[in-house]
Amino acid sequence: MSKTQPSVKQLWNAFTNKHPEYRDKNIPESFYFCDNKTDANICANLVLKRIKQATATSLWWFKTYNQALPKKDDLNIVTDWDGNAVAVIKTTQIDLVPFHKVTEVFAQTEGEGDGSLAYWRKVHKAFYTREMKNSSDSFNEEMLIVCERFETLYP
């Protein structure tokens, strides 16, 4: 999700001043994680602390909303729920994985909750179920998840 604030441009300008090799690039897409303010702000803080270095979006979401899949080396600006820019991230790896085959290592890299696979499965099953509630589709263990790893480049 995206809400653009002036802080997005400010963060991008600060980033490109420190990393001039990116000056010729357009300001990347900004977004927040999750579907509620509390979790979005927690996740933004985890990215800032470099604890959260992955995210898991359902392939269903990309198809339903006609969005391109992320690619290695994509840049994005992570915001809090209110759209305030927090960090510049760079995608390092993309894997399409059935929900039931997401690994403990990936769950730890995502950095949320206690970092366990059990926690990851619980909260993501609930999230994907909410995400699909107004459609004819429903969550299942075989659904493909876009497992995206990233690194926090700035600050």
N, C-alpha and C. Protein backbone atom coordinates (compact mmCIF):
# COMPACT_ATOMS: atom_id res chain seq x y z
N MET A 1 0.84 -1.17 0.00
CA MET A 1 0.00 0.00 0.00
C MET A 1 0.89 1.24 0.00
N SER A 2 0.35 2.33 -0.50
CA SER A 2 1.19 3.52 -0.64
C SER A 2 0.43 4.79 -0.30
N LYS A 3 1.05 5.64 0.49
CA LYS A 3 0.57 6.99 0.76
C LYS A 3 1.80 7.88 0.67
N THR A 4 1.88 8.73 -0.35
CA THR A 4 3.10 9.50 -0.55
C THR A 4 3.07 10.79 0.27
N GLN A 5 4.11 11.01 1.02
CA GLN A 5 4.30 12.21 1.83
C GLN A 5 5.57 12.91 1.35
N PRO A 6 5.74 14.20 1.68
CA PRO A 6 6.98 14.90 1.31
C PRO A 6 8.23 14.20 1.83
N SER A 7 8.10 13.46 2.93
CA SER A 7 9.26 12.78 3.50
C SER A 7 9.85 11.74 2.55
N VAL A 8 9.03 11.23 1.62
CA VAL A 8 9.54 10.25 0.66
C VAL A 8 10.61 10.90 -0.21
N LYS A 9 10.30 12.08 -0.75
CA LYS A 9 11.27 12.80 -1.58
C LYS A 9 12.49 13.21 -0.75
N GLN A 10 12.25 13.65 0.48
CA GLN A 10 13.35 14.05 1.35
C GLN A 10 14.29 12.88 1.64
N LEU A 11 13.72 11.72 1.94
CA LEU A 11 14.56 10.55 2.21
C LEU A 11 15.33 10.14 0.96
N TRP A 12 14.66 10.17 -0.19
CA TRP A 12 15.33 9.81 -1.44
C TRP A 12 16.48 10.77 -1.73
N ASN A 13 16.27 12.06 -1.52
CA ASN A 13 17.33 13.03 -1.75
C ASN A 13 18.51 12.79 -0.81
N ALA A 14 18.23 12.50 0.45
CA ALA A 14 19.30 12.20 1.41
C ALA A 14 20.05 10.93 1.00
N PHE A 15 19.30 9.93 0.55
CA PHE A 15 19.92 8.68 0.10
C PHE A 15 20.82 8.91 -1.10
N THR A 16 20.33 9.65 -2.11
CA THR A 16 21.13 9.86 -3.32
C THR A 16 22.32 10.79 -3.06
N ASN A 17 22.24 11.65 -2.05
CA ASN A 17 23.41 12.44 -1.68
C ASN A 17 24.51 11.55 -1.12
N LYS A 18 24.11 10.54 -0.37
CA LYS A 18 25.08 9.60 0.20
C LYS A 18 25.51 8.55 -0.82
N HIS A 19 24.63 8.23 -1.76
CA HIS A 19 24.89 7.20 -2.78
C HIS A 19 24.66 7.81 -4.17
N PRO A 20 25.61 8.62 -4.65
CA PRO A 20 25.40 9.34 -5.92
C PRO A 20 25.18 8.43 -7.13
N GLU A 21 25.54 7.17 -7.03
CA GLU A 21 25.33 6.25 -8.15
C GLU A 21 23.84 6.05 -8.45
N TYR A 22 22.96 6.46 -7.54
CA TYR A 22 21.51 6.32 -7.76
C TYR A 22 20.84 7.63 -8.18
N ARG A 23 21.60 8.70 -8.36
CA ARG A 23 21.01 10.01 -8.66
C ARG A 23 20.22 10.03 -9.96
N ASP A 24 20.59 9.20 -10.92
CA ASP A 24 19.88 9.21 -12.21
C ASP A 24 18.58 8.40 -12.17
N LYS A 25 18.27 7.79 -11.05
CA LYS A 25 17.05 6.97 -10.93
C LYS A 25 15.89 7.84 -10.45
N ASN A 26 14.69 7.46 -10.89
CA ASN A 26 13.48 8.12 -10.39
C ASN A 26 13.23 7.69 -8.95
N ILE A 27 12.48 8.49 -8.23
CA ILE A 27 12.09 8.11 -6.87
C ILE A 27 11.31 6.81 -6.96
N PRO A 28 11.74 5.79 -6.24
CA PRO A 28 11.05 4.50 -6.33
C PRO A 28 9.69 4.52 -5.63
N GLU A 29 8.93 3.47 -5.88
CA GLU A 29 7.63 3.32 -5.24
C GLU A 29 7.81 3.25 -3.73
N SER A 30 6.87 3.87 -3.03
CA SER A 30 6.88 3.77 -1.57
C SER A 30 5.67 2.96 -1.13
N PHE A 31 5.82 2.27 -0.01
CA PHE A 31 4.73 1.44 0.49
C PHE A 31 4.93 1.16 1.97
N TYR A 32 3.85 0.71 2.61
CA TYR A 32 3.95 0.23 3.98
C TYR A 32 3.57 -1.24 4.00
N PHE A 33 4.07 -1.94 5.01
CA PHE A 33 3.75 -3.35 5.19
C PHE A 33 2.43 -3.48 5.95
N CYS A 34 1.76 -4.61 5.77
CA CYS A 34 0.61 -5.02 6.58
C CYS A 34 -0.67 -4.27 6.21
N ASP A 35 -1.73 -4.58 6.95
CA ASP A 35 -3.04 -4.02 6.65
C ASP A 35 -3.63 -3.26 7.84
N ASN A 36 -2.75 -2.85 8.76
CA ASN A 36 -3.22 -2.07 9.91
C ASN A 36 -2.06 -1.23 10.44
N LYS A 37 -2.42 -0.14 11.10
CA LYS A 37 -1.43 0.84 11.55
C LYS A 37 -0.40 0.26 12.50
N THR A 38 -0.84 -0.49 13.49
CA THR A 38 0.09 -1.03 14.49
C THR A 38 1.17 -1.89 13.84
N ASP A 39 0.75 -2.87 13.04
CA ASP A 39 1.72 -3.78 12.40
C ASP A 39 2.57 -3.06 11.37
N ALA A 40 1.97 -2.13 10.62
CA ALA A 40 2.74 -1.39 9.62
C ALA A 40 3.87 -0.60 10.28
N ASN A 41 3.57 0.04 11.39
CA ASN A 41 4.58 0.83 12.08
C ASN A 41 5.64 -0.04 12.75
N ILE A 42 5.23 -1.19 13.28
CA ILE A 42 6.20 -2.14 13.85
C ILE A 42 7.14 -2.62 12.75
N CYS A 43 6.58 -3.01 11.61
CA CYS A 43 7.41 -3.51 10.50
C CYS A 43 8.36 -2.44 9.98
N ALA A 44 7.89 -1.21 9.86
CA ALA A 44 8.76 -0.12 9.40
C ALA A 44 9.94 0.03 10.35
N ASN A 45 9.68 -0.04 11.65
CA ASN A 45 10.74 0.06 12.64
C ASN A 45 11.71 -1.11 12.55
N LEU A 46 11.19 -2.31 12.29
CA LEU A 46 12.05 -3.49 12.13
C LEU A 46 12.95 -3.37 10.91
N VAL A 47 12.45 -2.76 9.83
CA VAL A 47 13.27 -2.52 8.64
C VAL A 47 14.37 -1.52 8.98
N LEU A 48 13.99 -0.46 9.67
CA LEU A 48 14.95 0.57 10.06
C LEU A 48 16.08 -0.03 10.92
N LYS A 49 15.72 -0.97 11.79
CA LYS A 49 16.71 -1.64 12.65
C LYS A 49 17.44 -2.78 11.93
N ARG A 50 17.06 -3.03 10.68
CA ARG A 50 17.65 -4.10 9.86
C ARG A 50 17.36 -5.50 10.43
N ILE A 51 16.26 -5.62 11.15
CA ILE A 51 15.81 -6.92 11.64
C ILE A 51 14.92 -7.57 10.59
N LYS A 52 14.01 -6.81 10.03
CA LYS A 52 13.13 -7.29 8.96
C LYS A 52 13.84 -7.07 7.64
N GLN A 53 14.20 -8.16 6.96
CA GLN A 53 14.90 -8.08 5.69
C GLN A 53 14.24 -8.98 4.65
N ALA A 54 12.92 -9.20 4.82
CA ALA A 54 12.15 -10.00 3.87
C ALA A 54 10.68 -9.67 4.04
N THR A 55 9.92 -10.00 3.00
CA THR A 55 8.47 -9.87 3.06
C THR A 55 7.85 -10.96 2.20
N ALA A 56 6.60 -11.27 2.49
CA ALA A 56 5.92 -12.37 1.80
C ALA A 56 4.54 -11.90 1.33
N THR A 57 4.41 -11.72 0.04
CA THR A 57 3.15 -11.28 -0.56
C THR A 57 2.57 -12.45 -1.34
N SER A 58 1.26 -12.61 -1.27
CA SER A 58 0.65 -13.70 -2.03
C SER A 58 0.72 -13.40 -3.53
N LEU A 59 0.98 -14.43 -4.31
CA LEU A 59 0.93 -14.28 -5.76
C LEU A 59 -0.47 -13.86 -6.17
N TRP A 60 -1.47 -14.33 -5.43
CA TRP A 60 -2.86 -13.95 -5.66
C TRP A 60 -3.01 -12.42 -5.71
N TRP A 61 -2.36 -11.71 -4.76
CA TRP A 61 -2.46 -10.25 -4.70
C TRP A 61 -1.91 -9.63 -5.98
N PHE A 62 -0.73 -10.09 -6.42
CA PHE A 62 -0.14 -9.52 -7.64
C PHE A 62 -1.06 -9.73 -8.84
N LYS A 63 -1.63 -10.92 -8.95
CA LYS A 63 -2.52 -11.22 -10.08
C LYS A 63 -3.82 -10.45 -9.98
N THR A 64 -4.41 -10.42 -8.81
CA THR A 64 -5.70 -9.75 -8.61
C THR A 64 -5.60 -8.25 -8.90
N TYR A 65 -4.52 -7.64 -8.49
CA TYR A 65 -4.36 -6.19 -8.66
C TYR A 65 -3.46 -5.83 -9.85
N ASN A 66 -3.19 -6.83 -10.70
CA ASN A 66 -2.43 -6.61 -11.94
C ASN A 66 -1.13 -5.85 -11.68
N GLN A 67 -0.39 -6.32 -10.70
CA GLN A 67 0.88 -5.71 -10.33
C GLN A 67 2.04 -6.58 -10.79
N ALA A 68 3.10 -5.94 -11.22
CA ALA A 68 4.30 -6.67 -11.63
C ALA A 68 4.98 -7.26 -10.40
N LEU A 69 5.53 -8.44 -10.58
CA LEU A 69 6.29 -9.06 -9.49
C LEU A 69 7.56 -8.25 -9.24
N PRO A 70 8.02 -8.21 -8.01
CA PRO A 70 9.29 -7.54 -7.75
C PRO A 70 10.42 -8.29 -8.44
N LYS A 71 11.51 -7.55 -8.69
CA LYS A 71 12.68 -8.13 -9.34
C LYS A 71 13.92 -7.82 -8.49
N LYS A 72 14.91 -8.68 -8.65
CA LYS A 72 16.19 -8.45 -7.98
C LYS A 72 16.69 -7.05 -8.36
N ASP A 73 17.21 -6.35 -7.40
CA ASP A 73 17.76 -5.00 -7.52
C ASP A 73 16.71 -3.89 -7.57
N ASP A 74 15.42 -4.23 -7.46
CA ASP A 74 14.40 -3.18 -7.34
C ASP A 74 14.67 -2.37 -6.07
N LEU A 75 14.42 -1.08 -6.16
CA LEU A 75 14.50 -0.20 -5.00
C LEU A 75 13.09 0.19 -4.59
N ASN A 76 12.87 0.34 -3.29
CA ASN A 76 11.60 0.82 -2.76
C ASN A 76 11.87 1.67 -1.53
N ILE A 77 10.89 2.49 -1.20
CA ILE A 77 10.95 3.27 0.04
C ILE A 77 9.87 2.73 0.96
N VAL A 78 10.29 2.28 2.13
CA VAL A 78 9.35 1.78 3.13
C VAL A 78 8.87 2.98 3.95
N THR A 79 7.56 3.01 4.20
CA THR A 79 6.97 4.06 5.02
C THR A 79 6.27 3.45 6.22
N ASP A 80 5.89 4.32 7.14
CA ASP A 80 4.99 3.89 8.20
C ASP A 80 3.57 3.96 7.65
N TRP A 81 2.59 3.66 8.47
CA TRP A 81 1.19 3.62 8.04
C TRP A 81 0.73 4.95 7.43
N ASP A 82 1.26 6.05 7.98
CA ASP A 82 0.84 7.38 7.54
C ASP A 82 1.62 7.87 6.33
N GLY A 83 2.50 7.04 5.80
CA GLY A 83 3.24 7.40 4.60
C GLY A 83 4.54 8.12 4.84
N ASN A 84 4.96 8.22 6.09
CA ASN A 84 6.24 8.87 6.40
C ASN A 84 7.38 7.93 6.06
N ALA A 85 8.30 8.40 5.23
CA ALA A 85 9.41 7.57 4.76
C ALA A 85 10.32 7.16 5.91
N VAL A 86 10.70 5.88 5.87
CA VAL A 86 11.53 5.32 6.93
C VAL A 86 12.87 4.81 6.40
N ALA A 87 12.85 4.13 5.24
CA ALA A 87 14.07 3.48 4.75
C ALA A 87 14.00 3.22 3.26
N VAL A 88 15.17 3.17 2.64
CA VAL A 88 15.31 2.72 1.25
C VAL A 88 15.78 1.27 1.31
N ILE A 89 15.07 0.40 0.58
CA ILE A 89 15.45 -1.01 0.53
C ILE A 89 15.73 -1.43 -0.91
N LYS A 90 16.51 -2.50 -1.04
CA LYS A 90 16.85 -3.06 -2.35
C LYS A 90 16.56 -4.55 -2.32
N THR A 91 15.77 -5.02 -3.28
CA THR A 91 15.44 -6.44 -3.38
C THR A 91 16.68 -7.23 -3.76
N THR A 92 16.93 -8.31 -3.03
CA THR A 92 18.11 -9.13 -3.30
C THR A 92 17.77 -10.51 -3.84
N GLN A 93 16.54 -10.98 -3.59
CA GLN A 93 16.16 -12.32 -4.04
C GLN A 93 14.64 -12.44 -4.05
N ILE A 94 14.12 -13.14 -5.06
CA ILE A 94 12.69 -13.43 -5.17
C ILE A 94 12.53 -14.92 -5.38
N ASP A 95 11.66 -15.54 -4.59
CA ASP A 95 11.33 -16.95 -4.76
C ASP A 95 9.82 -17.11 -4.67
N LEU A 96 9.25 -17.93 -5.56
CA LEU A 96 7.84 -18.30 -5.48
C LEU A 96 7.77 -19.63 -4.76
N VAL A 97 7.11 -19.64 -3.60
CA VAL A 97 7.12 -20.81 -2.72
C VAL A 97 5.69 -21.09 -2.25
N PRO A 98 5.25 -22.35 -2.32
CA PRO A 98 3.95 -22.67 -1.71
C PRO A 98 3.97 -22.30 -0.23
N PHE A 99 2.85 -21.82 0.28
CA PHE A 99 2.77 -21.39 1.68
C PHE A 99 3.35 -22.43 2.62
N HIS A 100 2.98 -23.69 2.44
CA HIS A 100 3.41 -24.74 3.38
C HIS A 100 4.89 -25.09 3.26
N LYS A 101 5.58 -24.53 2.26
CA LYS A 101 7.02 -24.82 2.10
C LYS A 101 7.91 -23.62 2.47
N VAL A 102 7.30 -22.55 2.97
CA VAL A 102 8.12 -21.43 3.46
C VAL A 102 8.95 -21.96 4.63
N THR A 103 10.21 -21.57 4.67
CA THR A 103 11.15 -22.14 5.65
C THR A 103 11.28 -21.31 6.92
N GLU A 104 11.80 -21.97 7.93
CA GLU A 104 12.11 -21.30 9.20
C GLU A 104 13.10 -20.16 8.96
N VAL A 105 14.09 -20.39 8.09
CA VAL A 105 15.08 -19.35 7.80
C VAL A 105 14.41 -18.12 7.20
N PHE A 106 13.47 -18.32 6.28
CA PHE A 106 12.77 -17.18 5.70
C PHE A 106 11.96 -16.46 6.78
N ALA A 107 11.26 -17.21 7.61
CA ALA A 107 10.47 -16.61 8.69
C ALA A 107 11.35 -15.76 9.60
N GLN A 108 12.54 -16.26 9.92
CA GLN A 108 13.47 -15.50 10.75
C GLN A 108 13.93 -14.23 10.04
N THR A 109 14.18 -14.34 8.73
CA THR A 109 14.63 -13.19 7.95
C THR A 109 13.54 -12.13 7.87
N GLU A 110 12.29 -12.58 7.86
CA GLU A 110 11.19 -11.61 7.85
C GLU A 110 11.14 -10.83 9.16
N GLY A 111 11.64 -11.42 10.24
CA GLY A 111 11.91 -10.68 11.46
C GLY A 111 10.74 -10.27 12.33
N GLU A 112 9.57 -10.82 12.09
CA GLU A 112 8.39 -10.41 12.85
C GLU A 112 8.11 -11.36 14.01
N GLY A 113 7.45 -10.85 15.03
CA GLY A 113 7.07 -11.68 16.17
C GLY A 113 8.29 -12.31 16.82
N ASP A 114 8.18 -13.61 17.13
CA ASP A 114 9.31 -14.31 17.75
C ASP A 114 10.26 -14.92 16.71
N GLY A 115 9.99 -14.68 15.43
CA GLY A 115 10.85 -15.17 14.36
C GLY A 115 10.67 -16.63 14.01
N SER A 116 9.73 -17.29 14.65
CA SER A 116 9.54 -18.72 14.39
C SER A 116 8.66 -18.95 13.17
N LEU A 117 8.79 -20.12 12.59
CA LEU A 117 7.94 -20.50 11.46
C LEU A 117 6.49 -20.63 11.92
N ALA A 118 6.27 -21.13 13.12
CA ALA A 118 4.90 -21.25 13.64
C ALA A 118 4.22 -19.88 13.72
N TYR A 119 4.94 -18.89 14.23
CA TYR A 119 4.39 -17.53 14.29
C TYR A 119 4.12 -17.02 12.88
N TRP A 120 5.11 -17.19 11.99
CA TRP A 120 4.96 -16.72 10.61
C TRP A 120 3.71 -17.31 9.98
N ARG A 121 3.54 -18.62 10.10
CA ARG A 121 2.38 -19.28 9.49
C ARG A 121 1.07 -18.75 10.07
N LYS A 122 1.03 -18.58 11.37
CA LYS A 122 -0.20 -18.11 12.02
C LYS A 122 -0.60 -16.72 11.52
N VAL A 123 0.33 -15.77 11.57
CA VAL A 123 -0.04 -14.40 11.20
C VAL A 123 -0.24 -14.23 9.70
N HIS A 124 0.52 -14.97 8.89
CA HIS A 124 0.35 -14.85 7.44
C HIS A 124 -0.90 -15.55 6.95
N LYS A 125 -1.25 -16.67 7.54
CA LYS A 125 -2.52 -17.31 7.18
C LYS A 125 -3.67 -16.35 7.48
N ALA A 126 -3.64 -15.72 8.63
CA ALA A 126 -4.69 -14.76 8.99
C ALA A 126 -4.69 -13.58 8.02
N PHE A 127 -3.51 -13.08 7.66
CA PHE A 127 -3.41 -11.95 6.74
C PHE A 127 -3.96 -12.31 5.36
N TYR A 128 -3.51 -13.44 4.81
CA TYR A 128 -3.97 -13.83 3.47
C TYR A 128 -5.47 -14.11 3.46
N THR A 129 -5.98 -14.64 4.55
CA THR A 129 -7.42 -14.89 4.67
C THR A 129 -8.18 -13.56 4.63
N ARG A 130 -7.70 -12.56 5.37
CA ARG A 130 -8.33 -11.23 5.34
C ARG A 130 -8.22 -10.61 3.95
N GLU A 131 -7.05 -10.77 3.34
CA GLU A 131 -6.79 -10.19 2.03
C GLU A 131 -7.77 -10.71 0.97
N MET A 132 -8.14 -11.96 1.09
CA MET A 132 -8.98 -12.61 0.07
C MET A 132 -10.46 -12.65 0.44
N LYS A 133 -10.84 -12.07 1.57
CA LYS A 133 -12.20 -12.25 2.09
C LYS A 133 -13.30 -11.75 1.16
N ASN A 134 -13.05 -10.75 0.35
CA ASN A 134 -14.09 -10.21 -0.54
C ASN A 134 -14.00 -10.78 -1.95
N SER A 135 -13.31 -11.89 -2.09
CA SER A 135 -13.18 -12.52 -3.41
C SER A 135 -13.79 -13.93 -3.35
N SER A 136 -13.85 -14.54 -4.50
CA SER A 136 -14.33 -15.93 -4.54
C SER A 136 -13.22 -16.91 -4.20
N ASP A 137 -12.00 -16.41 -4.04
CA ASP A 137 -10.85 -17.25 -3.69
C ASP A 137 -10.72 -17.33 -2.18
N SER A 138 -9.95 -18.31 -1.74
CA SER A 138 -9.70 -18.43 -0.30
C SER A 138 -8.30 -18.98 -0.07
N PHE A 139 -7.81 -18.73 1.13
CA PHE A 139 -6.49 -19.21 1.52
C PHE A 139 -6.42 -20.73 1.40
N ASN A 140 -5.25 -21.22 0.95
CA ASN A 140 -4.96 -22.65 1.04
C ASN A 140 -3.45 -22.83 1.18
N GLU A 141 -3.05 -23.95 1.72
CA GLU A 141 -1.64 -24.22 2.02
C GLU A 141 -0.76 -24.32 0.78
N GLU A 142 -1.38 -24.55 -0.38
CA GLU A 142 -0.62 -24.69 -1.63
C GLU A 142 -0.42 -23.36 -2.36
N MET A 143 -1.10 -22.31 -1.92
CA MET A 143 -1.02 -21.04 -2.65
C MET A 143 0.42 -20.54 -2.68
N LEU A 144 0.77 -19.93 -3.80
CA LEU A 144 2.14 -19.45 -3.97
C LEU A 144 2.33 -18.11 -3.28
N ILE A 145 3.47 -18.02 -2.63
CA ILE A 145 3.87 -16.81 -1.91
C ILE A 145 5.12 -16.25 -2.59
N VAL A 146 5.12 -14.95 -2.81
CA VAL A 146 6.28 -14.27 -3.37
C VAL A 146 7.17 -13.91 -2.17
N CYS A 147 8.19 -14.72 -1.97
CA CYS A 147 9.12 -14.52 -0.85
C CYS A 147 10.23 -13.60 -1.33
N GLU A 148 10.20 -12.38 -0.84
CA GLU A 148 11.14 -11.34 -1.29
C GLU A 148 12.11 -11.02 -0.16
N ARG A 149 13.38 -11.17 -0.46
CA ARG A 149 14.42 -10.77 0.48
C ARG A 149 14.96 -9.42 0.02
N PHE A 150 15.32 -8.59 0.99
CA PHE A 150 15.84 -7.27 0.66
C PHE A 150 16.89 -6.86 1.68
N GLU A 151 17.61 -5.82 1.34
CA GLU A 151 18.53 -5.23 2.30
C GLU A 151 18.16 -3.77 2.48
N THR A 152 18.32 -3.29 3.69
CA THR A 152 18.08 -1.89 3.98
C THR A 152 19.34 -1.12 3.59
N LEU A 153 19.19 -0.22 2.61
CA LEU A 153 20.33 0.56 2.14
C LEU A 153 20.51 1.87 2.89
N TYR A 154 19.40 2.45 3.34
CA TYR A 154 19.46 3.77 3.96
C TYR A 154 18.27 3.96 4.87
N PRO A 155 18.35 4.59 6.02
CA PRO A 155 19.59 5.18 6.53
C PRO A 155 20.48 4.11 7.13
